[in-house]
């Protein structure tokens, strides 16, 4: 009977250690998830910064360079100068394959061997 308190103390210590290990492991999982989210957000921030820089360059070019304005008007808006002739070149396209969603045709003659 003298060993019972020692055994209970050991079981209680193991329970406390198991709870502590569970809390620490959960903390490491949260830390890893936070690091991954931080990396994702830093990458997105770099992409947005590059996009902002490109947009600012475009704005500066449109404010200062008439050729840039003409280029945007021609490419993005499809505009032409008066008197210019526009040639539209059509490229042939393949007809779509026949649809197999309709009813299956019944054969007129079936050969049997």
C-alpha atoms as a PDB file:
ATOM      1  CA  UNK A   1       0.000   0.000   0.000  1.00  0.00           C
ATOM      2  CA  UNK A   2       2.965   2.318   0.379  1.00  0.00           C
ATOM      3  CA  UNK A   3       3.518   2.236  -3.376  1.00  0.00           C
ATOM      4  CA  UNK A   4      -0.025   3.449  -4.216  1.00  0.00           C
ATOM      5  CA  UNK A   5       0.635   7.183  -3.604  1.00  0.00           C
ATOM      6  CA  UNK A   6       3.828   6.979  -5.668  1.00  0.00           C
ATOM      7  CA  UNK A   7       1.958   5.280  -8.520  1.00  0.00           C
ATOM      8  CA  UNK A   8      -0.852   7.869  -8.370  1.00  0.00           C
ATOM      9  CA  UNK A   9       1.721  10.659  -8.373  1.00  0.00           C
ATOM     10  CA  UNK A  10       3.458   9.131 -11.410  1.00  0.00           C
ATOM     11  CA  UNK A  11       0.124   8.762 -13.266  1.00  0.00           C
ATOM     12  CA  UNK A  12      -0.779  12.356 -12.448  1.00  0.00           C
ATOM     13  CA  UNK A  13       2.644  13.548 -13.635  1.00  0.00           C
ATOM     14  CA  UNK A  14       2.251  11.625 -16.878  1.00  0.00           C
ATOM     15  CA  UNK A  15      -1.206  13.133 -17.414  1.00  0.00           C
ATOM     16  CA  UNK A  16       0.177  16.639 -16.871  1.00  0.00           C
ATOM     17  CA  UNK A  17       3.067  15.958 -19.262  1.00  0.00           C
ATOM     18  CA  UNK A  18       0.678  14.579 -21.900  1.00  0.00           C
ATOM     19  CA  UNK A  19      -1.534  17.666 -21.635  1.00  0.00           C
ATOM     20  CA  UNK A  20       1.508  19.934 -21.865  1.00  0.00           C
ATOM     21  CA  UNK A  21       2.826  18.057 -24.924  1.00  0.00           C
ATOM     22  CA  UNK A  22      -0.559  18.359 -26.612  1.00  0.00           C
ATOM     23  CA  UNK A  23      -0.655  22.112 -26.002  1.00  0.00           C
ATOM     24  CA  UNK A  24       2.909  22.572 -27.292  1.00  0.00           C
ATOM     25  CA  UNK A  25       2.257  20.458 -30.401  1.00  0.00           C
ATOM     26  CA  UNK A  26      -0.882  22.475 -31.171  1.00  0.00           C
ATOM     27  CA  UNK A  27       1.143  25.663 -30.768  1.00  0.00           C
ATOM     28  CA  UNK A  28       3.743  24.462 -33.285  1.00  0.00           C
ATOM     29  CA  UNK A  29       0.991  23.638 -35.792  1.00  0.00           C
ATOM     30  CA  UNK A  30      -0.444  27.132 -35.391  1.00  0.00           C
ATOM     31  CA  UNK A  31       3.023  28.618 -35.811  1.00  0.00           C
ATOM     32  CA  UNK A  32       3.632  26.662 -39.025  1.00  0.00           C
ATOM     33  CA  UNK A  33       0.254  27.733 -40.410  1.00  0.00           C
ATOM     34  CA  UNK A  34       0.988  31.366 -39.539  1.00  0.00           C
ATOM     35  CA  UNK A  35       4.389  31.177 -41.264  1.00  0.00           C
ATOM     36  CA  UNK A  36       2.807  29.738 -44.417  1.00  0.00           C
ATOM     37  CA  UNK A  37       0.170  32.493 -44.404  1.00  0.00           C
ATOM     38  CA  UNK A  38       2.904  35.111 -43.916  1.00  0.00           C
ATOM     39  CA  UNK A  39       4.818  33.763 -46.932  1.00  0.00           C
ATOM     40  CA  UNK A  40       1.656  33.775 -49.055  1.00  0.00           C
ATOM     41  CA  UNK A  41       0.852  37.355 -48.078  1.00  0.00           C
ATOM     42  CA  UNK A  42       4.418  38.545 -48.721  1.00  0.00           C
ATOM     43  CA  UNK A  43       4.331  36.998 -52.195  1.00  0.00           C
ATOM     44  CA  UNK A  44       0.973  38.643 -52.908  1.00  0.00           C
ATOM     45  CA  UNK A  45       2.313  41.989 -51.650  1.00  0.00           C
ATOM     46  CA  UNK A  46       5.296  41.738 -54.044  1.00  0.00           C
ATOM     47  CA  UNK A  47       2.970  40.917 -56.954  1.00  0.00           C
ATOM     48  CA  UNK A  48       0.732  43.881 -56.127  1.00  0.00           C
ATOM     49  CA  UNK A  49       3.735  46.216 -55.800  1.00  0.00           C
ATOM     50  CA  UNK A  50       4.943  45.165 -59.266  1.00  0.00           C
ATOM     51  CA  UNK A  51       1.454  45.700 -60.674  1.00  0.00           C
ATOM     52  CA  UNK A  52       1.278  49.154 -59.102  1.00  0.00           C
ATOM     53  CA  UNK A  53       4.689  50.072 -60.566  1.00  0.00           C
ATOM     54  CA  UNK A  54       3.604  48.950 -64.052  1.00  0.00           C
ATOM     55  CA  UNK A  55       0.363  50.906 -63.758  1.00  0.00           C
ATOM     56  CA  UNK A  56       2.210  54.044 -62.625  1.00  0.00           C
ATOM     57  CA  UNK A  57       4.584  53.715 -65.600  1.00  0.00           C
ATOM     58  CA  UNK A  58       1.602  53.408 -67.944  1.00  0.00           C
ATOM     59  CA  UNK A  59      -0.043  56.485 -66.406  1.00  0.00           C
ATOM     60  CA  UNK A  60       3.166  58.504 -66.762  1.00  0.00           C
ATOM     61  CA  UNK A  61       3.531  57.404 -70.392  1.00  0.00           C
ATOM     62  CA  UNK A  62      -0.087  58.285 -71.176  1.00  0.00           C
ATOM     63  CA  UNK A  63       0.339  61.731 -69.611  1.00  0.00           C
ATOM     64  CA  UNK A  64       3.612  62.579 -71.366  1.00  0.00           C
ATOM     65  CA  UNK A  65       3.835  60.592 -74.604  1.00  0.00           C
ATOM     66  CA  UNK A  66       1.289  61.066 -77.420  1.00  0.00           C
ATOM     67  CA  UNK A  67       2.558  57.878 -79.091  1.00  0.00           C
ATOM     68  CA  UNK A  68       1.562  55.904 -75.993  1.00  0.00           C
ATOM     69  CA  UNK A  69      -1.934  57.380 -76.127  1.00  0.00           C
ATOM     70  CA  UNK A  70      -2.212  56.462 -79.805  1.00  0.00           C
ATOM     71  CA  UNK A  71      -0.946  52.952 -79.130  1.00  0.00           C
ATOM     72  CA  UNK A  72      -3.517  52.346 -76.392  1.00  0.00           C
ATOM     73  CA  UNK A  73      -6.281  53.817 -78.564  1.00  0.00           C
ATOM     74  CA  UNK A  74      -5.368  51.528 -81.446  1.00  0.00           C
ATOM     75  CA  UNK A  75      -4.710  48.310 -79.524  1.00  0.00           C
ATOM     76  CA  UNK A  76      -7.232  48.419 -76.697  1.00  0.00           C
ATOM     77  CA  UNK A  77      -9.996  50.515 -78.226  1.00  0.00           C
ATOM     78  CA  UNK A  78      -9.614  49.483 -81.877  1.00  0.00           C
ATOM     79  CA  UNK A  79      -9.540  53.083 -83.073  1.00  0.00           C
ATOM     80  CA  UNK A  80      -8.109  54.203 -86.431  1.00  0.00           C
ATOM     81  CA  UNK A  81      -7.205  57.573 -87.904  1.00  0.00           C
ATOM     82  CA  UNK A  82      -9.536  59.138 -90.469  1.00  0.00           C
ATOM     83  CA  UNK A  83      -8.638  57.945 -93.945  1.00  0.00           C
ATOM     84  CA  UNK A  84      -6.889  54.757 -92.820  1.00  0.00           C
ATOM     85  CA  UNK A  85      -7.989  51.480 -94.327  1.00  0.00           C
ATOM     86  CA  UNK A  86      -8.514  48.564 -91.970  1.00  0.00           C
ATOM     87  CA  UNK A  87      -7.952  45.051 -93.256  1.00  0.00           C
ATOM     88  CA  UNK A  88      -9.546  42.238 -91.304  1.00  0.00           C
ATOM     89  CA  UNK A  89      -8.028  38.884 -92.165  1.00  0.00           C
ATOM     90  CA  UNK A  90     -10.287  35.977 -91.448  1.00  0.00           C
ATOM     91  CA  UNK A  91      -8.703  32.652 -90.631  1.00  0.00           C
ATOM     92  CA  UNK A  92     -10.644  29.515 -91.470  1.00  0.00           C
ATOM     93  CA  UNK A  93     -11.841  27.508 -88.517  1.00  0.00           C
ATOM     94  CA  UNK A  94     -12.676  23.847 -88.328  1.00  0.00           C
ATOM     95  CA  UNK A  95     -16.371  23.023 -88.080  1.00  0.00           C
ATOM     96  CA  UNK A  96     -17.361  21.579 -84.745  1.00  0.00           C
ATOM     97  CA  UNK A  97     -17.456  17.772 -84.552  1.00  0.00           C
ATOM     98  CA  UNK A  98     -20.898  16.216 -84.874  1.00  0.00           C
ATOM     99  CA  UNK A  99     -22.772  15.893 -81.648  1.00  0.00           C
ATOM    100  CA  UNK A 100     -23.346  12.409 -80.286  1.00  0.00           C
ATOM    101  CA  UNK A 101     -26.069  13.462 -77.881  1.00  0.00           C
ATOM    102  CA  UNK A 102     -28.949  12.682 -80.245  1.00  0.00           C
ATOM    103  CA  UNK A 103     -30.641   9.309 -80.661  1.00  0.00           C
ATOM    104  CA  UNK A 104     -28.545   6.434 -81.917  1.00  0.00           C
ATOM    105  CA  UNK A 105     -29.478   5.519 -85.503  1.00  0.00           C
ATOM    106  CA  UNK A 106     -30.917   2.076 -86.079  1.00  0.00           C
ATOM    107  CA  UNK A 107     -28.952   0.057 -88.654  1.00  0.00           C
ATOM    108  CA  UNK A 108     -30.875  -0.893 -91.792  1.00  0.00           C
ATOM    109  CA  UNK A 109     -29.088  -4.185 -92.163  1.00  0.00           C
ATOM    110  CA  UNK A 110     -27.403  -6.159 -89.424  1.00  0.00           C
ATOM    111  CA  UNK A 111     -24.986  -8.914 -90.392  1.00  0.00           C
ATOM    112  CA  UNK A 112     -24.823 -11.956 -88.168  1.00  0.00           C
ATOM    113  CA  UNK A 113     -22.248 -14.678 -88.447  1.00  0.00           C
END
